[in-house]
């Protein structure tokens, strides 16, 4: 089963949590509550991944929930 990818992204002067379809699940004034909301959504829908971006939109870090395929079997 493929992991669902959630993202914490800058949105103008705020931060949004985007679901697997790319639609905004929530919007927050600061980054920490957005990361917390993203973690909650990803944990509730395992297997999943939360990708957190910097204010300039580049990748910062990620969390993986559920079965992690690394290292692969075999």
PDB file of N, CA and C in Angstrom:
ATOM      1  N   UNK A   1       0.842  -1.181   0.000  1.00  0.00           N
ATOM      2  CA  UNK A   1       0.000   0.000   0.000  1.00  0.00           C
ATOM      3  C   UNK A   1       0.887   1.244   0.000  1.00  0.00           C
ATOM      4  N   UNK A   2       0.596   2.163  -0.854  1.00  0.00           N
ATOM      5  CA  UNK A   2       1.378   3.398  -0.970  1.00  0.00           C
ATOM      6  C   UNK A   2       1.079   4.323   0.210  1.00  0.00           C
ATOM      7  N   UNK A   3       2.092   5.040   0.631  1.00  0.00           N
ATOM      8  CA  UNK A   3       1.915   6.002   1.713  1.00  0.00           C
ATOM      9  C   UNK A   3       1.208   7.253   1.202  1.00  0.00           C
ATOM     10  N   UNK A   4       0.350   7.806   2.059  1.00  0.00           N
ATOM     11  CA  UNK A   4      -0.289   9.091   1.757  1.00  0.00           C
ATOM     12  C   UNK A   4       0.675  10.186   2.196  1.00  0.00           C
ATOM     13  N   UNK A   5       0.859  11.193   1.360  1.00  0.00           N
ATOM     14  CA  UNK A   5       1.810  12.257   1.663  1.00  0.00           C
ATOM     15  C   UNK A   5       1.060  13.531   2.042  1.00  0.00           C
ATOM     16  N   UNK A   6       1.359  14.026   3.236  1.00  0.00           N
ATOM     17  CA  UNK A   6       0.828  15.298   3.729  1.00  0.00           C
ATOM     18  C   UNK A   6       1.978  16.288   3.723  1.00  0.00           C
ATOM     19  N   UNK A   7       1.673  17.571   3.541  1.00  0.00           N
ATOM     20  CA  UNK A   7       2.725  18.588   3.473  1.00  0.00           C
ATOM     21  C   UNK A   7       2.365  19.802   4.320  1.00  0.00           C
ATOM     22  N   UNK A   8       3.391  20.395   4.928  1.00  0.00           N
ATOM     23  CA  UNK A   8       3.266  21.686   5.608  1.00  0.00           C
ATOM     24  C   UNK A   8       3.984  22.676   4.704  1.00  0.00           C
ATOM     25  N   UNK A   9       3.222  23.644   4.186  1.00  0.00           N
ATOM     26  CA  UNK A   9       3.732  24.566   3.174  1.00  0.00           C
ATOM     27  C   UNK A   9       3.477  26.024   3.559  1.00  0.00           C
ATOM     28  N   UNK A  10       4.372  26.928   3.149  1.00  0.00           N
ATOM     29  CA  UNK A  10       4.087  28.350   3.354  1.00  0.00           C
ATOM     30  C   UNK A  10       2.946  28.778   2.436  1.00  0.00           C
ATOM     31  N   UNK A  11       2.089  29.645   2.959  1.00  0.00           N
ATOM     32  CA  UNK A  11       0.941  30.131   2.178  1.00  0.00           C
ATOM     33  C   UNK A  11       0.795  31.627   2.427  1.00  0.00           C
ATOM     34  N   UNK A  12       1.555  32.416   1.685  1.00  0.00           N
ATOM     35  CA  UNK A  12       1.537  33.859   1.922  1.00  0.00           C
ATOM     36  C   UNK A  12       2.177  34.150   3.263  1.00  0.00           C
ATOM     37  N   UNK A  13       1.453  34.748   4.172  1.00  0.00           N
ATOM     38  CA  UNK A  13       1.970  35.032   5.507  1.00  0.00           C
ATOM     39  C   UNK A  13       1.604  33.977   6.524  1.00  0.00           C
ATOM     40  N   UNK A  14       1.059  32.859   6.083  1.00  0.00           N
ATOM     41  CA  UNK A  14       0.650  31.808   7.007  1.00  0.00           C
ATOM     42  C   UNK A  14       1.206  30.463   6.532  1.00  0.00           C
ATOM     43  N   UNK A  15       0.762  29.386   7.176  1.00  0.00           N
ATOM     44  CA  UNK A  15       1.192  28.033   6.838  1.00  0.00           C
ATOM     45  C   UNK A  15      -0.029  27.155   6.626  1.00  0.00           C
ATOM     46  N   UNK A  16       0.035  26.272   5.629  1.00  0.00           N
ATOM     47  CA  UNK A  16      -1.094  25.379   5.403  1.00  0.00           C
ATOM     48  C   UNK A  16      -0.649  23.935   5.468  1.00  0.00           C
ATOM     49  N   UNK A  17      -1.583  23.084   5.872  1.00  0.00           N
ATOM     50  CA  UNK A  17      -1.387  21.647   5.852  1.00  0.00           C
ATOM     51  C   UNK A  17      -2.157  21.135   4.646  1.00  0.00           C
ATOM     52  N   UNK A  18      -1.449  20.515   3.707  1.00  0.00           N
ATOM     53  CA  UNK A  18      -2.069  19.990   2.493  1.00  0.00           C
ATOM     54  C   UNK A  18      -2.186  18.476   2.603  1.00  0.00           C
ATOM     55  N   UNK A  19      -3.338  17.962   2.186  1.00  0.00           N
ATOM     56  CA  UNK A  19      -3.573  16.528   2.197  1.00  0.00           C
ATOM     57  C   UNK A  19      -3.024  15.858   0.955  1.00  0.00           C
ATOM     58  N   UNK A  20      -3.217  14.543   0.845  1.00  0.00           N
ATOM     59  CA  UNK A  20      -2.698  13.798  -0.303  1.00  0.00           C
ATOM     60  C   UNK A  20      -3.190  14.311  -1.655  1.00  0.00           C
ATOM     61  N   UNK A  21      -4.367  14.896  -1.689  1.00  0.00           N
ATOM     62  CA  UNK A  21      -4.898  15.415  -2.956  1.00  0.00           C
ATOM     63  C   UNK A  21      -4.365  16.812  -3.270  1.00  0.00           C
ATOM     64  N   UNK A  22      -3.627  17.397  -2.319  1.00  0.00           N
ATOM     65  CA  UNK A  22      -3.096  18.744  -2.507  1.00  0.00           C
ATOM     66  C   UNK A  22      -3.990  19.836  -1.950  1.00  0.00           C
ATOM     67  N   UNK A  23      -5.200  19.468  -1.537  1.00  0.00           N
ATOM     68  CA  UNK A  23      -6.109  20.471  -0.991  1.00  0.00           C
ATOM     69  C   UNK A  23      -5.719  20.815   0.446  1.00  0.00           C
ATOM     70  N   UNK A  24      -5.997  22.048   0.855  1.00  0.00           N
ATOM     71  CA  UNK A  24      -5.651  22.505   2.196  1.00  0.00           C
ATOM     72  C   UNK A  24      -6.568  21.865   3.230  1.00  0.00           C
ATOM     73  N   UNK A  25      -5.967  21.231   4.238  1.00  0.00           N
ATOM     74  CA  UNK A  25      -6.736  20.665   5.343  1.00  0.00           C
ATOM     75  C   UNK A  25      -6.944  21.700   6.437  1.00  0.00           C
ATOM     76  N   UNK A  26      -5.927  22.567   6.631  1.00  0.00           N
ATOM     77  CA  UNK A  26      -6.029  23.625   7.636  1.00  0.00           C
ATOM     78  C   UNK A  26      -4.996  24.702   7.335  1.00  0.00           C
ATOM     79  N   UNK A  27      -5.213  25.878   7.918  1.00  0.00           N
ATOM     80  CA  UNK A  27      -4.292  27.009   7.760  1.00  0.00           C
ATOM     81  C   UNK A  27      -3.972  27.546   9.149  1.00  0.00           C
ATOM     82  N   UNK A  28      -2.696  27.935   9.358  1.00  0.00           N
ATOM     83  CA  UNK A  28      -2.228  28.370  10.675  1.00  0.00           C
ATOM     84  C   UNK A  28      -1.374  29.622  10.519  1.00  0.00           C
ATOM     85  N   UNK A  29      -1.367  30.461  11.564  1.00  0.00           N
ATOM     86  CA  UNK A  29      -0.586  31.701  11.522  1.00  0.00           C
ATOM     87  C   UNK A  29       0.909  31.444  11.621  1.00  0.00           C
ATOM     88  N   UNK A  30       1.299  30.387  12.358  1.00  0.00           N
ATOM     89  CA  UNK A  30       2.717  30.067  12.530  1.00  0.00           C
ATOM     90  C   UNK A  30       2.975  28.616  12.164  1.00  0.00           C
ATOM     91  N   UNK A  31       4.244  28.267  11.983  1.00  0.00           N
ATOM     92  CA  UNK A  31       4.629  26.935  11.532  1.00  0.00           C
ATOM     93  C   UNK A  31       4.423  25.828  12.578  1.00  0.00           C
ATOM     94  N   UNK A  32       4.779  26.027  13.863  1.00  0.00           N
ATOM     95  CA  UNK A  32       4.638  24.926  14.826  1.00  0.00           C
ATOM     96  C   UNK A  32       3.232  24.323  14.925  1.00  0.00           C
ATOM     97  N   UNK A  33       2.156  25.130  14.987  1.00  0.00           N
ATOM     98  CA  UNK A  33       0.840  24.493  15.024  1.00  0.00           C
ATOM     99  C   UNK A  33       0.491  23.786  13.710  1.00  0.00           C
ATOM    100  N   UNK A  34       1.021  24.272  12.603  1.00  0.00           N
ATOM    101  CA  UNK A  34       0.785  23.605  11.320  1.00  0.00           C
ATOM    102  C   UNK A  34       1.455  22.235  11.301  1.00  0.00           C
ATOM    103  N   UNK A  35       2.677  22.154  11.845  1.00  0.00           N
ATOM    104  CA  UNK A  35       3.378  20.869  11.910  1.00  0.00           C
ATOM    105  C   UNK A  35       2.616  19.913  12.829  1.00  0.00           C
ATOM    106  N   UNK A  36       2.133  20.396  13.958  1.00  0.00           N
ATOM    107  CA  UNK A  36       1.358  19.551  14.873  1.00  0.00           C
ATOM    108  C   UNK A  36       0.091  19.023  14.207  1.00  0.00           C
ATOM    109  N   UNK A  37      -0.602  19.884  13.472  1.00  0.00           N
ATOM    110  CA  UNK A  37      -1.821  19.457  12.772  1.00  0.00           C
ATOM    111  C   UNK A  37      -1.482  18.453  11.675  1.00  0.00           C
ATOM    112  N   UNK A  38      -0.386  18.667  10.981  1.00  0.00           N
ATOM    113  CA  UNK A  38       0.045  17.730   9.945  1.00  0.00           C
ATOM    114  C   UNK A  38       0.416  16.385  10.523  1.00  0.00           C
ATOM    115  N   UNK A  39       1.099  16.379  11.671  1.00  0.00           N
ATOM    116  CA  UNK A  39       1.453  15.129  12.328  1.00  0.00           C
ATOM    117  C   UNK A  39       0.206  14.362  12.747  1.00  0.00           C
ATOM    118  N   UNK A  40      -0.776  15.058  13.297  1.00  0.00           N
ATOM    119  CA  UNK A  40      -2.016  14.414  13.722  1.00  0.00           C
ATOM    120  C   UNK A  40      -2.741  13.786  12.531  1.00  0.00           C
ATOM    121  N   UNK A  41      -2.812  14.514  11.419  1.00  0.00           N
ATOM    122  CA  UNK A  41      -3.487  13.986  10.225  1.00  0.00           C
ATOM    123  C   UNK A  41      -2.745  12.776   9.668  1.00  0.00           C
ATOM    124  N   UNK A  42      -1.415  12.853   9.624  1.00  0.00           N
ATOM    125  CA  UNK A  42      -0.621  11.753   9.079  1.00  0.00           C
ATOM    126  C   UNK A  42      -0.691  10.518   9.978  1.00  0.00           C
ATOM    127  N   UNK A  43      -0.637  10.719  11.292  1.00  0.00           N
ATOM    128  CA  UNK A  43      -0.723   9.593  12.223  1.00  0.00           C
ATOM    129  C   UNK A  43      -2.082   8.899  12.128  1.00  0.00           C
ATOM    130  N   UNK A  44      -3.135   9.663  11.883  1.00  0.00           N
ATOM    131  CA  UNK A  44      -4.487   9.112  11.812  1.00  0.00           C
ATOM    132  C   UNK A  44      -4.743   8.348  10.515  1.00  0.00           C
ATOM    133  N   UNK A  45      -3.896   8.522   9.520  1.00  0.00           N
ATOM    134  CA  UNK A  45      -4.120   7.902   8.199  1.00  0.00           C
ATOM    135  C   UNK A  45      -2.890   7.134   7.728  1.00  0.00           C
ATOM    136  N   UNK A  46      -2.367   6.273   8.580  1.00  0.00           N
ATOM    137  CA  UNK A  46      -1.177   5.494   8.246  1.00  0.00           C
ATOM    138  C   UNK A  46      -1.481   4.429   7.202  1.00  0.00           C
ATOM    139  N   UNK A  47      -0.548   4.014   6.388  1.00  0.00           N
ATOM    140  CA  UNK A  47       0.826   4.482   6.291  1.00  0.00           C
ATOM    141  C   UNK A  47       0.868   5.835   5.604  1.00  0.00           C
ATOM    142  N   UNK A  48       1.682   6.726   6.158  1.00  0.00           N
ATOM    143  CA  UNK A  48       1.716   8.096   5.637  1.00  0.00           C
ATOM    144  C   UNK A  48       3.063   8.741   5.882  1.00  0.00           C
ATOM    145  N   UNK A  49       3.205   9.920   5.314  1.00  0.00           N
ATOM    146  CA  UNK A  49       4.430  10.693   5.433  1.00  0.00           C
ATOM    147  C   UNK A  49       4.034  12.162   5.546  1.00  0.00           C
ATOM    148  N   UNK A  50       4.736  12.890   6.422  1.00  0.00           N
ATOM    149  CA  UNK A  50       4.550  14.334   6.533  1.00  0.00           C
ATOM    150  C   UNK A  50       5.838  14.995   6.071  1.00  0.00           C
ATOM    151  N   UNK A  51       5.743  15.813   5.031  1.00  0.00           N
ATOM    152  CA  UNK A  51       6.889  16.540   4.496  1.00  0.00           C
ATOM    153  C   UNK A  51       6.730  18.003   4.904  1.00  0.00           C
ATOM    154  N   UNK A  52       7.739  18.529   5.605  1.00  0.00           N
ATOM    155  CA  UNK A  52       7.704  19.902   6.093  1.00  0.00           C
ATOM    156  C   UNK A  52       8.647  20.746   5.240  1.00  0.00           C
ATOM    157  N   UNK A  53       8.146  21.880   4.782  1.00  0.00           N
ATOM    158  CA  UNK A  53       8.920  22.773   3.932  1.00  0.00           C
ATOM    159  C   UNK A  53       9.353  24.017   4.703  1.00  0.00           C
ATOM    160  N   UNK A  54      10.392  24.680   4.228  1.00  0.00           N
ATOM    161  CA  UNK A  54      10.864  25.949   4.793  1.00  0.00           C
ATOM    162  C   UNK A  54       9.997  27.086   4.272  1.00  0.00           C
ATOM    163  N   UNK A  55      10.210  28.279   4.788  1.00  0.00           N
ATOM    164  CA  UNK A  55       9.439  29.452   4.363  1.00  0.00           C
ATOM    165  C   UNK A  55       9.632  29.768   2.885  1.00  0.00           C
ATOM    166  N   UNK A  56      10.774  29.378   2.310  1.00  0.00           N
ATOM    167  CA  UNK A  56      10.999  29.616   0.876  1.00  0.00           C
ATOM    168  C   UNK A  56      10.449  28.492  -0.002  1.00  0.00           C
ATOM    169  N   UNK A  57       9.801  27.489   0.623  1.00  0.00           N
ATOM    170  CA  UNK A  57       9.172  26.406  -0.121  1.00  0.00           C
ATOM    171  C   UNK A  57      10.048  25.187  -0.352  1.00  0.00           C
ATOM    172  N   UNK A  58      11.321  25.250   0.034  1.00  0.00           N
ATOM    173  CA  UNK A  58      12.198  24.103  -0.154  1.00  0.00           C
ATOM    174  C   UNK A  58      11.996  23.090   0.970  1.00  0.00           C
ATOM    175  N   UNK A  59      12.415  21.852   0.715  1.00  0.00           N
ATOM    176  CA  UNK A  59      12.293  20.758   1.672  1.00  0.00           C
ATOM    177  C   UNK A  59      13.105  21.055   2.936  1.00  0.00           C
ATOM    178  N   UNK A  60      12.515  20.736   4.119  1.00  0.00           N
ATOM    179  CA  UNK A  60      13.243  20.891   5.376  1.00  0.00           C
ATOM    180  C   UNK A  60      13.445  19.538   6.059  1.00  0.00           C
ATOM    181  N   UNK A  61      12.362  18.803   6.356  1.00  0.00           N
ATOM    182  CA  UNK A  61      12.469  17.482   6.971  1.00  0.00           C
ATOM    183  C   UNK A  61      11.171  16.725   6.771  1.00  0.00           C
ATOM    184  N   UNK A  62      11.159  15.427   7.161  1.00  0.00           N
ATOM    185  CA  UNK A  62       9.962  14.612   6.984  1.00  0.00           C
ATOM    186  C   UNK A  62       9.798  13.651   8.151  1.00  0.00           C
ATOM    187  N   UNK A  63       8.566  13.197   8.331  1.00  0.00           N
ATOM    188  CA  UNK A  63       8.218  12.163   9.298  1.00  0.00           C
ATOM    189  C   UNK A  63       7.528  11.046   8.531  1.00  0.00           C
ATOM    190  N   UNK A  64       7.771   9.794   8.928  1.00  0.00           N
ATOM    191  CA  UNK A  64       7.112   8.653   8.309  1.00  0.00           C
ATOM    192  C   UNK A  64       6.337   7.915   9.400  1.00  0.00           C
ATOM    193  N   UNK A  65       5.096   7.558   9.104  1.00  0.00           N
ATOM    194  CA  UNK A  65       4.238   6.854  10.058  1.00  0.00           C
ATOM    195  C   UNK A  65       3.763   5.550   9.431  1.00  0.00           C
ATOM    196  N   UNK A  66       3.710   4.505  10.251  1.00  0.00           N
ATOM    197  CA  UNK A  66       3.310   3.198   9.743  1.00  0.00           C
ATOM    198  C   UNK A  66       4.521   2.442   9.239  1.00  0.00           C
ATOM    199  N   UNK A  67       4.293   1.420   8.451  1.00  0.00           N
ATOM    200  CA  UNK A  67       5.377   0.589   7.936  1.00  0.00           C
ATOM    201  C   UNK A  67       6.275   1.400   7.023  1.00  0.00           C
ATOM    202  N   UNK A  68       7.548   1.416   7.347  1.00  0.00           N
ATOM    203  CA  UNK A  68       8.532   2.098   6.518  1.00  0.00           C
ATOM    204  C   UNK A  68       9.207   1.042   5.654  1.00  0.00           C
ATOM    205  N   UNK A  69       9.154   1.181   4.346  1.00  0.00           N
ATOM    206  CA  UNK A  69       9.714   0.160   3.458  1.00  0.00           C
ATOM    207  C   UNK A  69      11.240   0.128   3.418  1.00  0.00           C
ATOM    208  N   UNK A  70      11.904   0.986   4.199  1.00  0.00           N
ATOM    209  CA  UNK A  70      13.363   0.977   4.182  1.00  0.00           C
ATOM    210  C   UNK A  70      13.885   0.372   5.469  1.00  0.00           C
ATOM    211  N   UNK A  71      14.768  -0.556   5.525  1.00  0.00           N
ATOM    212  CA  UNK A  71      15.388  -1.146   4.345  1.00  0.00           C
ATOM    213  C   UNK A  71      14.439  -2.133   3.677  1.00  0.00           C
ATOM    214  N   UNK A  72      14.481  -2.208   2.367  1.00  0.00           N
ATOM    215  CA  UNK A  72      13.605  -3.121   1.657  1.00  0.00           C
ATOM    216  C   UNK A  72      13.960  -4.581   1.949  1.00  0.00           C
ATOM    217  N   UNK A  73      12.956  -5.440   1.874  1.00  0.00           N
ATOM    218  CA  UNK A  73      13.189  -6.866   2.098  1.00  0.00           C
ATOM    219  C   UNK A  73      13.968  -7.451   0.944  1.00  0.00           C
ATOM    220  N   UNK A  74      14.764  -8.473   1.233  1.00  0.00           N
ATOM    221  CA  UNK A  74      15.407  -9.234   0.181  1.00  0.00           C
ATOM    222  C   UNK A  74      16.747  -8.792  -0.139  1.00  0.00           C
TER     223      UNK A  74
END
